[in-house]
Amino acid sequence: MRRTALLAILALLITPVARAGGHFSFVGIEPSADVPVGGEANVTVSVTKRMPTPEGILTSRTELKNLTMMLYAPSPMRLELLEARATSPDGSEIGVDAGEWPKVELSMEDLENLTLVARLIVPINVTPGTYPLTAVIRGYEVLPNGSRRTSILDQQLQINVVPLELPVFVQVEPVNLTLPGDLLVSVTVSNTEEYWVVRPGGELEKAPIDVTNLSVWIGLGPLGGSERVVVGDLPHGSARLVKRSYLISGDIPGGVSVVRVRVSYVYGSDFSVVSREEGVVVNKFTDLSIDVVPPEDVQEGERAQLKVILTPSPWRARGVSLEVEIGNYSEEVYVGDIPPAESRTVSVELPSMPPGSYNGSVLVEWKSPYPPISQKRLVRFTLSVSPRGGISLVYLAAVVAVAAVIALAAKAALRKAEREGD
C-alpha cells in the first residue's frame, strides 16, 4: 500500500492540531468536545492541498484527481451526511457524488480542497469510551513532471463518548455571603428531552427514557460538611427540585469558596454522574470604632499627648495605620492588626505650639479580612494652647461663661426688687 509521504493526522479531540507534508494533507476538525450517549455531534473531515509548515501555509503544486473518500463509524453509531463540498485551485466548485454514502466521489478535475460534514449519532446503549471513526481516501496525484502517483490513506480518528448527561441547574444564594448567614442551595434535575435509541429492527430514533436511583450530593467545602439526598425515580417529562439551607458560622475564613454538586442516576443499565460547581464570596467586613481624645490644659511650649482609641468589630482589623495632622505638623503611625472587640490605644506626641486654638485631624486606614480592600475614616479634633504661666483657654472660657450667667442672674434679681418696691 503506497501512501503520500508525511500525511497529516488530526485526532478529533479537544484541540485541533494538524501535521502535513508531501503533497496533500488530511485534516479533521470536529467534534471539539466529548459526545454524550444518546446525543449527536457534527464531524468534519477535509483533504486539502494547503499544508501547514513552520514557514506558514503552503499549497502543493501536485494535482489531486479522481478522489474518493469514505467515512465509517462503529455499529450501532451512524453517520448521516450533511454537506459535501469541493473546490478547484481557481476557487470554482467541483461536483461531488454522494449517492453511495458513506462513499463520496469526485470527477476528474484537479482538487484544491474536499470537505465532508456528517452528523454522528451515538445511541443510548453505546458504552462510554473512545471509539474510532475510519476515513478511507483513494485517488492519484499528477506530479509537476507529469507522472502519476497513486495516493491511498486509511486514517482512524478518535471520538470520545461520555455518559448521558441530564440537564442539571444549580443555584446558590446569596452569591455574596456575610457571616454568619444562611446559604441556600437549589438543585434542579429534569428529564424532558428525547435521546437516540436503537429499536429492535436496528433503526435509530429519538425517544424518551426513564431515569432511576436519582440522588444529589452537596459539598460545602470549607463552608461546612456535605449532604446526600436520595430522590428516587425521574420519569420522562418530570423534574425534581432539591433545596437545602445551611447556616454558615462566623468561624469560616473570608474569601471565595466553591459549592460542589454531584447528581447521580441510572438510565437503562448504565450509571452516570453530572458535576456542577458554584462559587460563593464570603465577606468579612470590619468596622472600626475610632475615639480621638485631645489633651487638655496644654500650655505654650508643652508637647502634649493625643490619644486615639481603636476598637474593631466584628472581625479583625488588618494593617491598621493612622496619620495625624495639626497645623504644619504631620505624623504617621503603623499600628498593625487588632483582634476583634479588643481596644488599642495609640498615643501621638504633638509638637509644642504657640497659644491659640488649632483644628487637627486623624486619618485611620485599615483592611477587612475579606475583601482585603483599604477602608479609611477621618476624625477631626480641636486643640487649645494657653500662654505659659496663664490659665488655659478652655478654663478661661469656662470662667467667662460662668461670670456671664451670674451677671444675668443678678440683673434679673435687681429688676424684681425694683418692681416689688414700687
Protein backbone atom coordinates (compact mmCIF):
# COMPACT_ATOMS: atom_id res chain seq x y z
CA MET A 1 0.00 0.00 0.00
CA ARG A 2 1.51 3.29 -1.13
CA ARG A 3 0.94 6.45 0.89
CA THR A 4 1.76 10.06 0.22
CA ALA A 5 4.80 10.95 2.33
CA LEU A 6 4.21 12.53 5.75
CA LEU A 7 0.40 12.62 5.58
CA ALA A 8 -1.20 14.88 8.18
CA ILE A 9 -3.20 13.42 11.05
CA LEU A 10 -5.53 15.16 13.47
CA ALA A 11 -7.07 13.48 16.47
CA LEU A 12 -10.72 14.52 16.91
CA LEU A 13 -10.37 15.61 20.48
CA ILE A 14 -10.29 18.88 22.36
CA THR A 15 -7.75 20.94 20.39
CA PRO A 16 -7.47 20.55 16.62
CA VAL A 17 -3.85 20.00 15.54
CA ALA A 18 -2.68 19.13 12.06
CA ARG A 19 0.61 17.93 10.59
CA ALA A 20 1.21 17.96 6.87
CA GLY A 21 3.87 17.47 4.26
CA GLY A 22 4.48 15.75 0.94
CA HIS A 23 1.70 16.61 -1.50
CA PHE A 24 -1.59 16.87 0.40
CA SER A 25 -2.79 16.93 4.00
CA PHE A 26 -5.66 15.23 5.77
CA VAL A 27 -7.44 17.30 8.41
CA GLY A 28 -10.26 16.53 10.85
CA ILE A 29 -11.61 19.47 12.82
CA GLU A 30 -14.71 18.35 14.76
CA PRO A 31 -16.13 17.46 17.21
CA SER A 32 -14.24 19.74 19.58
CA ALA A 33 -15.72 18.19 22.75
CA ASP A 34 -16.99 14.90 24.14
CA VAL A 35 -20.11 13.31 22.66
CA PRO A 36 -22.67 12.04 25.22
CA VAL A 37 -24.51 8.79 24.62
CA GLY A 38 -27.99 9.39 23.26
CA GLY A 39 -26.70 12.55 21.60
CA GLU A 40 -25.11 13.66 18.38
CA ALA A 41 -22.28 15.80 17.04
CA ASN A 42 -21.14 17.07 13.68
CA VAL A 43 -17.95 15.55 12.29
CA THR A 44 -15.96 17.47 9.71
CA VAL A 45 -13.08 15.96 7.74
CA SER A 46 -11.10 17.57 4.95
CA VAL A 47 -8.49 16.72 2.33
CA THR A 48 -6.59 19.76 1.17
CA LYS A 49 -3.51 20.83 -0.76
CA ARG A 50 -2.91 23.64 1.73
CA MET A 51 -0.28 22.35 4.11
CA PRO A 52 0.83 23.96 7.39
CA THR A 53 4.61 24.24 7.69
CA PRO A 54 6.95 26.08 10.09
CA GLU A 55 7.24 28.77 7.41
CA GLY A 56 3.45 29.14 7.04
CA ILE A 57 0.68 27.69 4.87
CA LEU A 58 1.96 26.27 1.58
CA THR A 59 -0.04 24.92 -1.35
CA SER A 60 1.20 21.77 -3.08
CA ARG A 61 1.96 22.00 -6.81
CA THR A 62 0.67 18.48 -7.45
CA GLU A 63 -2.77 17.83 -8.95
CA LEU A 64 -5.20 15.68 -6.93
CA LYS A 65 -7.63 13.81 -9.16
CA ASN A 66 -10.24 11.05 -9.18
CA LEU A 67 -10.58 11.29 -5.41
CA THR A 68 -12.96 9.23 -3.30
CA MET A 69 -13.49 9.42 0.47
CA MET A 70 -15.37 7.02 2.72
CA LEU A 71 -16.17 7.64 6.40
CA TYR A 72 -17.24 4.84 8.74
CA ALA A 73 -18.47 4.76 12.34
CA PRO A 74 -18.60 1.62 14.52
CA SER A 75 -22.02 -0.01 14.97
CA PRO A 76 -24.56 0.94 16.31
CA MET A 77 -23.38 4.51 15.73
CA ARG A 78 -24.44 6.10 12.50
CA LEU A 79 -23.12 8.86 10.24
CA GLU A 80 -25.56 10.98 8.21
CA LEU A 81 -24.07 13.20 5.51
CA LEU A 82 -24.98 16.86 5.96
CA GLU A 83 -22.68 18.50 3.44
CA ALA A 84 -20.05 17.59 0.84
CA ARG A 85 -18.19 20.39 -0.88
CA ALA A 86 -15.11 20.54 -3.10
CA THR A 87 -13.21 23.35 -4.78
CA SER A 88 -10.64 23.51 -7.55
CA PRO A 89 -7.42 25.55 -7.38
CA ASP A 90 -9.18 28.51 -9.08
CA GLY A 91 -11.90 28.51 -6.38
CA SER A 92 -14.70 27.07 -8.50
CA GLU A 93 -16.91 24.32 -7.11
CA ILE A 94 -16.44 20.68 -8.14
CA GLY A 95 -19.33 18.29 -8.34
CA VAL A 96 -19.45 15.68 -5.58
CA ASP A 97 -21.31 12.40 -5.98
CA ALA A 98 -22.65 11.27 -2.59
CA GLY A 99 -25.21 8.80 -3.90
CA GLU A 100 -23.37 5.84 -2.36
CA TRP A 101 -22.84 7.33 1.09
CA PRO A 102 -20.76 6.70 3.19
CA LYS A 103 -18.73 6.91 -0.03
CA VAL A 104 -18.35 10.23 -1.88
CA GLU A 105 -16.67 10.53 -5.25
CA LEU A 106 -15.28 13.41 -7.30
CA SER A 107 -14.93 13.86 -11.01
CA MET A 108 -11.53 14.12 -12.74
CA GLU A 109 -11.00 17.86 -12.06
CA ASP A 110 -7.95 18.95 -10.11
CA LEU A 111 -8.83 19.30 -6.39
CA GLU A 112 -7.86 22.08 -4.02
CA ASN A 113 -10.00 21.01 -1.04
CA LEU A 114 -12.64 18.38 -0.19
CA THR A 115 -14.69 18.72 2.98
CA LEU A 116 -17.32 16.37 4.39
CA VAL A 117 -19.69 17.30 7.21
CA ALA A 118 -21.61 14.40 8.75
CA ARG A 119 -23.82 14.03 11.78
CA LEU A 120 -22.57 11.36 14.14
CA ILE A 121 -25.40 9.70 16.11
CA VAL A 122 -24.49 7.86 19.32
CA PRO A 123 -27.45 5.78 20.62
CA ILE A 124 -28.22 5.29 24.27
CA ASN A 125 -26.90 1.73 24.51
CA VAL A 126 -23.31 2.61 23.49
CA THR A 127 -20.85 2.11 26.34
CA PRO A 128 -18.90 5.28 27.13
CA GLY A 129 -15.32 5.18 25.92
CA THR A 130 -13.09 6.04 22.97
CA TYR A 131 -14.14 4.89 19.51
CA PRO A 132 -12.53 5.19 16.07
CA LEU A 133 -14.02 6.85 13.03
CA THR A 134 -12.35 5.43 9.93
CA ALA A 135 -11.67 7.64 6.93
CA VAL A 136 -10.58 5.92 3.70
CA ILE A 137 -9.22 8.10 0.88
CA ARG A 138 -8.33 6.95 -2.65
CA GLY A 139 -7.02 8.92 -5.62
CA TYR A 140 -3.92 9.81 -7.55
CA GLU A 141 -1.60 12.75 -7.91
CA VAL A 142 -0.18 14.30 -11.04
CA LEU A 143 3.33 15.44 -10.17
CA PRO A 144 4.99 18.54 -11.66
CA ASN A 145 6.97 16.31 -14.08
CA GLY A 146 3.70 14.86 -15.44
CA SER A 147 3.98 11.44 -13.83
CA ARG A 148 1.14 9.92 -11.77
CA ARG A 149 1.31 8.55 -8.29
CA THR A 150 -1.46 6.64 -6.53
CA SER A 151 -2.42 8.09 -3.15
CA ILE A 152 -4.09 5.92 -0.56
CA LEU A 153 -4.84 6.83 3.04
CA ASP A 154 -6.69 4.88 5.73
CA GLN A 155 -6.94 7.01 8.87
CA GLN A 156 -8.70 6.47 12.21
CA LEU A 157 -9.96 9.49 14.09
CA GLN A 158 -10.83 9.15 17.78
CA ILE A 159 -14.22 10.10 19.22
CA ASN A 160 -14.66 10.26 22.99
CA VAL A 161 -18.12 9.10 24.10
CA VAL A 162 -19.21 10.10 27.60
CA PRO A 163 -22.22 9.04 29.73
CA LEU A 164 -25.61 10.62 29.20
CA GLU A 165 -25.86 14.00 30.92
CA LEU A 166 -29.25 15.17 32.15
CA PRO A 167 -29.92 18.91 32.39
CA VAL A 168 -28.84 20.00 35.88
CA PHE A 169 -29.28 23.57 37.13
CA VAL A 170 -27.60 24.68 40.38
CA GLN A 171 -28.28 27.98 42.14
CA VAL A 172 -26.55 29.25 45.28
CA GLU A 173 -27.95 32.23 47.20
CA PRO A 174 -26.61 34.63 48.19
CA VAL A 175 -23.56 34.73 45.97
CA ASN A 176 -22.04 37.29 48.35
CA LEU A 177 -22.42 35.91 51.88
CA THR A 178 -21.89 37.98 55.01
CA LEU A 179 -21.12 35.87 58.07
CA PRO A 180 -22.82 34.49 59.99
CA GLY A 181 -25.59 33.83 57.49
CA ASP A 182 -27.81 31.31 55.71
CA LEU A 183 -26.75 29.77 52.39
CA LEU A 184 -29.47 28.34 50.14
CA VAL A 185 -28.51 25.65 47.60
CA SER A 186 -31.09 24.69 44.96
CA VAL A 187 -30.55 21.81 42.51
CA THR A 188 -33.00 21.15 39.66
CA VAL A 189 -32.75 17.94 37.60
CA SER A 190 -35.05 17.48 34.60
CA ASN A 191 -35.82 14.62 32.24
CA THR A 192 -37.71 16.33 29.43
CA GLU A 193 -35.56 15.64 26.37
CA GLU A 194 -35.54 12.68 23.98
CA TYR A 195 -32.43 10.68 23.17
CA TRP A 196 -31.26 8.43 20.33
CA VAL A 197 -32.13 4.77 20.91
CA VAL A 198 -31.80 1.56 18.87
CA ARG A 199 -35.11 -0.11 18.01
CA PRO A 200 -35.44 -3.93 17.68
CA GLY A 201 -35.05 -3.74 13.90
CA GLY A 202 -31.79 -1.81 14.26
CA GLU A 203 -33.30 1.53 13.35
CA LEU A 204 -32.25 4.62 15.30
CA GLU A 205 -34.80 7.11 16.53
CA LYS A 206 -35.24 9.64 19.29
CA ALA A 207 -37.34 8.51 22.22
CA PRO A 208 -37.96 9.35 25.90
CA ILE A 209 -36.13 7.44 28.63
CA ASP A 210 -36.81 6.84 32.31
CA VAL A 211 -34.26 7.60 34.99
CA THR A 212 -33.99 5.78 38.32
CA ASN A 213 -31.92 5.89 41.51
CA LEU A 214 -31.55 9.67 41.33
CA SER A 215 -29.58 11.22 44.18
CA VAL A 216 -28.00 14.62 44.81
CA TRP A 217 -24.78 15.18 46.79
CA ILE A 218 -23.98 18.69 48.02
CA GLY A 219 -20.49 19.50 49.29
CA LEU A 220 -19.93 22.83 51.03
CA GLY A 221 -16.14 22.52 51.27
CA PRO A 222 -14.68 24.99 53.78
CA LEU A 223 -18.18 26.38 54.43
CA GLY A 224 -19.23 23.19 56.20
CA GLY A 225 -19.84 19.49 55.60
CA SER A 226 -21.71 17.58 52.91
CA GLU A 227 -25.12 16.01 52.44
CA ARG A 228 -26.58 13.33 50.16
CA VAL A 229 -30.26 13.50 49.25
CA VAL A 230 -31.95 10.40 47.75
CA VAL A 231 -34.62 11.47 45.24
CA GLY A 232 -35.61 8.17 43.58
CA ASP A 233 -37.18 7.85 40.12
CA LEU A 234 -37.33 10.57 37.49
CA PRO A 235 -39.85 9.61 34.77
CA HIS A 236 -39.74 11.28 31.39
CA GLY A 237 -41.39 14.69 31.34
CA SER A 238 -40.70 15.41 35.00
CA ALA A 239 -38.24 17.43 37.06
CA ARG A 240 -37.08 17.32 40.66
CA LEU A 241 -36.01 20.20 42.89
CA VAL A 242 -33.71 19.67 45.86
CA LYS A 243 -33.42 22.73 48.09
CA ARG A 244 -31.29 22.93 51.22
CA SER A 245 -30.48 25.79 53.61
CA TYR A 246 -27.25 25.83 55.62
CA LEU A 247 -26.23 28.14 58.45
CA ILE A 248 -22.65 29.24 57.84
CA SER A 249 -20.86 30.23 61.05
CA GLY A 250 -18.59 33.18 61.55
CA ASP A 251 -15.56 30.91 62.02
CA ILE A 252 -15.25 30.42 58.26
CA PRO A 253 -12.37 32.40 56.72
CA GLY A 254 -13.27 35.09 54.23
CA GLY A 255 -12.67 34.57 50.54
CA VAL A 256 -14.07 32.62 47.60
CA SER A 257 -15.42 29.15 48.38
CA VAL A 258 -16.77 26.54 46.00
CA VAL A 259 -20.01 24.60 46.49
CA ARG A 260 -19.85 21.29 44.63
CA VAL A 261 -22.89 19.30 43.48
CA ARG A 262 -22.90 15.76 42.09
CA VAL A 263 -26.08 14.32 40.59
CA SER A 264 -26.01 10.54 40.06
CA TYR A 265 -28.63 8.36 38.37
CA VAL A 266 -29.24 5.19 36.35
CA TYR A 267 -30.61 5.17 32.79
CA GLY A 268 -31.31 1.72 31.35
CA SER A 269 -28.49 -0.35 32.79
CA ASP A 270 -25.88 2.42 32.81
CA PHE A 271 -24.81 4.78 35.59
CA SER A 272 -23.99 8.46 35.13
CA VAL A 273 -22.81 11.38 37.25
CA VAL A 274 -23.20 15.08 36.44
CA SER A 275 -20.98 17.51 38.36
CA ARG A 276 -21.52 21.21 38.87
CA GLU A 277 -19.68 23.92 40.83
CA GLU A 278 -20.81 27.32 42.06
CA GLY A 279 -18.67 29.98 43.74
CA VAL A 280 -19.62 31.84 46.92
CA VAL A 281 -17.85 35.00 48.08
CA VAL A 282 -17.62 35.05 51.88
CA ASN A 283 -17.41 38.66 53.03
CA LYS A 284 -15.98 39.64 56.42
CA PHE A 285 -16.25 43.41 56.67
CA THR A 286 -14.66 45.01 59.71
CA ASP A 287 -15.94 48.25 61.19
CA LEU A 288 -13.50 50.27 63.27
CA SER A 289 -14.66 52.43 66.19
CA ILE A 290 -12.38 55.49 66.44
CA ASP A 291 -12.31 57.69 69.56
CA VAL A 292 -9.93 60.68 69.43
CA VAL A 293 -9.13 62.20 72.84
CA PRO A 294 -7.26 65.54 72.54
CA PRO A 295 -5.16 66.73 75.50
CA GLU A 296 -6.50 69.37 77.92
CA ASP A 297 -4.82 72.29 79.73
CA VAL A 298 -1.99 72.46 77.20
CA GLN A 299 0.40 75.38 77.77
CA GLU A 300 2.79 77.08 75.43
CA GLY A 301 5.98 75.04 74.87
CA GLU A 302 4.39 71.77 76.11
CA ARG A 303 4.45 68.61 73.95
CA ALA A 304 1.05 67.11 74.72
CA GLN A 305 -0.16 63.57 74.04
CA LEU A 306 -3.06 62.90 71.64
CA LYS A 307 -4.81 59.58 72.29
CA VAL A 308 -6.58 57.54 69.60
CA ILE A 309 -8.63 54.54 70.78
CA LEU A 310 -9.33 51.91 68.09
CA THR A 311 -11.83 49.04 68.51
CA PRO A 312 -12.64 46.70 65.54
CA SER A 313 -15.91 44.76 65.20
CA PRO A 314 -16.93 42.07 64.44
CA TRP A 315 -13.72 40.85 62.76
CA ARG A 316 -10.03 41.55 62.97
CA ALA A 317 -8.78 44.83 61.53
CA ARG A 318 -5.67 44.23 59.46
CA GLY A 319 -2.81 46.58 58.72
CA VAL A 320 -4.16 49.48 60.77
CA SER A 321 -2.34 52.79 60.36
CA LEU A 322 -3.12 56.39 61.19
CA GLU A 323 -1.94 59.84 60.15
CA VAL A 324 -2.23 62.84 62.48
CA GLU A 325 -2.22 66.36 61.08
CA ILE A 326 -2.41 69.66 63.01
CA GLY A 327 -1.11 72.98 61.76
CA ASN A 328 2.02 72.25 59.73
CA TYR A 329 2.70 69.06 61.68
CA SER A 330 2.05 65.56 60.30
CA GLU A 331 2.95 62.14 61.69
CA GLU A 332 2.18 58.61 60.51
CA VAL A 333 1.90 55.65 62.90
CA TYR A 334 1.64 51.98 61.87
CA VAL A 335 -0.45 50.02 64.38
CA GLY A 336 -0.72 46.58 62.72
CA ASP A 337 -3.51 44.04 63.24
CA ILE A 338 -6.09 44.47 66.00
CA PRO A 339 -8.15 41.43 67.14
CA PRO A 340 -11.94 41.81 67.18
CA ALA A 341 -13.52 43.55 70.21
CA GLU A 342 -10.05 44.46 71.54
CA SER A 343 -9.32 48.16 72.06
CA ARG A 344 -5.93 49.54 71.09
CA THR A 345 -4.84 52.96 72.41
CA VAL A 346 -2.30 54.84 70.31
CA SER A 347 -0.55 57.89 71.80
CA VAL A 348 0.90 60.50 69.47
CA GLU A 349 3.12 63.28 70.87
CA LEU A 350 2.12 66.62 69.38
CA PRO A 351 4.62 69.44 68.79
CA SER A 352 4.82 72.48 71.06
CA MET A 353 2.69 75.22 69.60
CA PRO A 354 2.07 78.95 70.29
CA PRO A 355 -1.02 79.93 72.26
CA GLY A 356 -4.25 79.61 70.29
CA SER A 357 -6.89 77.19 69.10
CA TYR A 358 -5.98 74.62 66.40
CA ASN A 359 -8.04 72.23 64.26
CA GLY A 360 -6.49 68.83 63.64
CA SER A 361 -7.45 65.52 62.04
CA VAL A 362 -6.74 61.81 62.38
CA LEU A 363 -6.96 59.69 59.22
CA VAL A 364 -7.26 55.97 60.06
CA GLU A 365 -6.80 53.26 57.39
CA TRP A 366 -7.39 49.50 57.75
CA LYS A 367 -8.40 46.37 55.85
CA SER A 368 -11.11 43.79 56.48
CA PRO A 369 -10.34 40.04 56.37
CA TYR A 370 -12.25 39.84 53.05
CA PRO A 371 -12.34 41.52 50.67
CA PRO A 372 -8.93 42.94 51.66
CA ILE A 373 -9.59 46.42 50.31
CA SER A 374 -8.49 49.55 52.19
CA GLN A 375 -11.05 51.44 54.25
CA LYS A 376 -10.45 54.99 55.51
CA ARG A 377 -12.11 57.25 58.07
CA LEU A 378 -11.27 60.86 59.01
CA VAL A 379 -11.92 62.18 62.55
CA ARG A 380 -11.38 65.87 63.42
CA PHE A 381 -10.39 67.36 66.78
CA THR A 382 -9.59 70.76 68.35
CA LEU A 383 -6.53 71.63 70.47
CA SER A 384 -6.33 74.72 72.72
CA VAL A 385 -2.93 76.07 73.85
CA SER A 386 -2.72 78.74 76.60
CA PRO A 387 0.20 81.10 77.39
CA ARG A 388 2.84 79.78 79.77
CA GLY A 389 2.05 80.69 83.38
CA GLY A 390 -1.53 81.75 82.50
CA ILE A 391 -4.74 79.94 82.59
CA SER A 392 -5.76 77.73 79.75
CA LEU A 393 -8.10 78.99 77.10
CA VAL A 394 -10.58 76.30 77.98
CA TYR A 395 -10.56 77.29 81.63
CA LEU A 396 -10.77 81.00 80.74
CA ALA A 397 -13.75 80.36 78.50
CA ALA A 398 -15.47 78.47 81.30
CA VAL A 399 -14.85 81.30 83.78
CA VAL A 400 -16.20 83.88 81.35
CA ALA A 401 -19.29 81.78 80.76
CA VAL A 402 -19.96 81.38 84.50
CA ALA A 403 -19.43 85.09 85.11
CA ALA A 404 -21.90 85.94 82.38
CA VAL A 405 -24.52 83.65 83.92
CA ILE A 406 -24.00 85.22 87.38
CA ALA A 407 -24.28 88.74 85.96
CA LEU A 408 -27.51 87.93 84.20
CA ALA A 409 -28.94 86.40 87.38
CA ALA A 410 -28.01 89.45 89.46
CA LYS A 411 -29.53 91.80 86.94
CA ALA A 412 -32.78 89.86 86.96
CA ALA A 413 -32.91 89.89 90.77
CA LEU A 414 -32.38 93.66 90.85
CA ARG A 415 -35.24 94.29 88.44
CA LYS A 416 -37.54 92.09 90.51
CA ALA A 417 -36.69 94.04 93.70
CA GLU A 418 -37.40 97.35 91.99
CA ARG A 419 -40.82 96.15 90.86
CA GLU A 420 -41.72 94.96 94.38
CA GLY A 421 -40.63 98.37 95.83
CA ASP A 422 -42.98 100.19 93.57
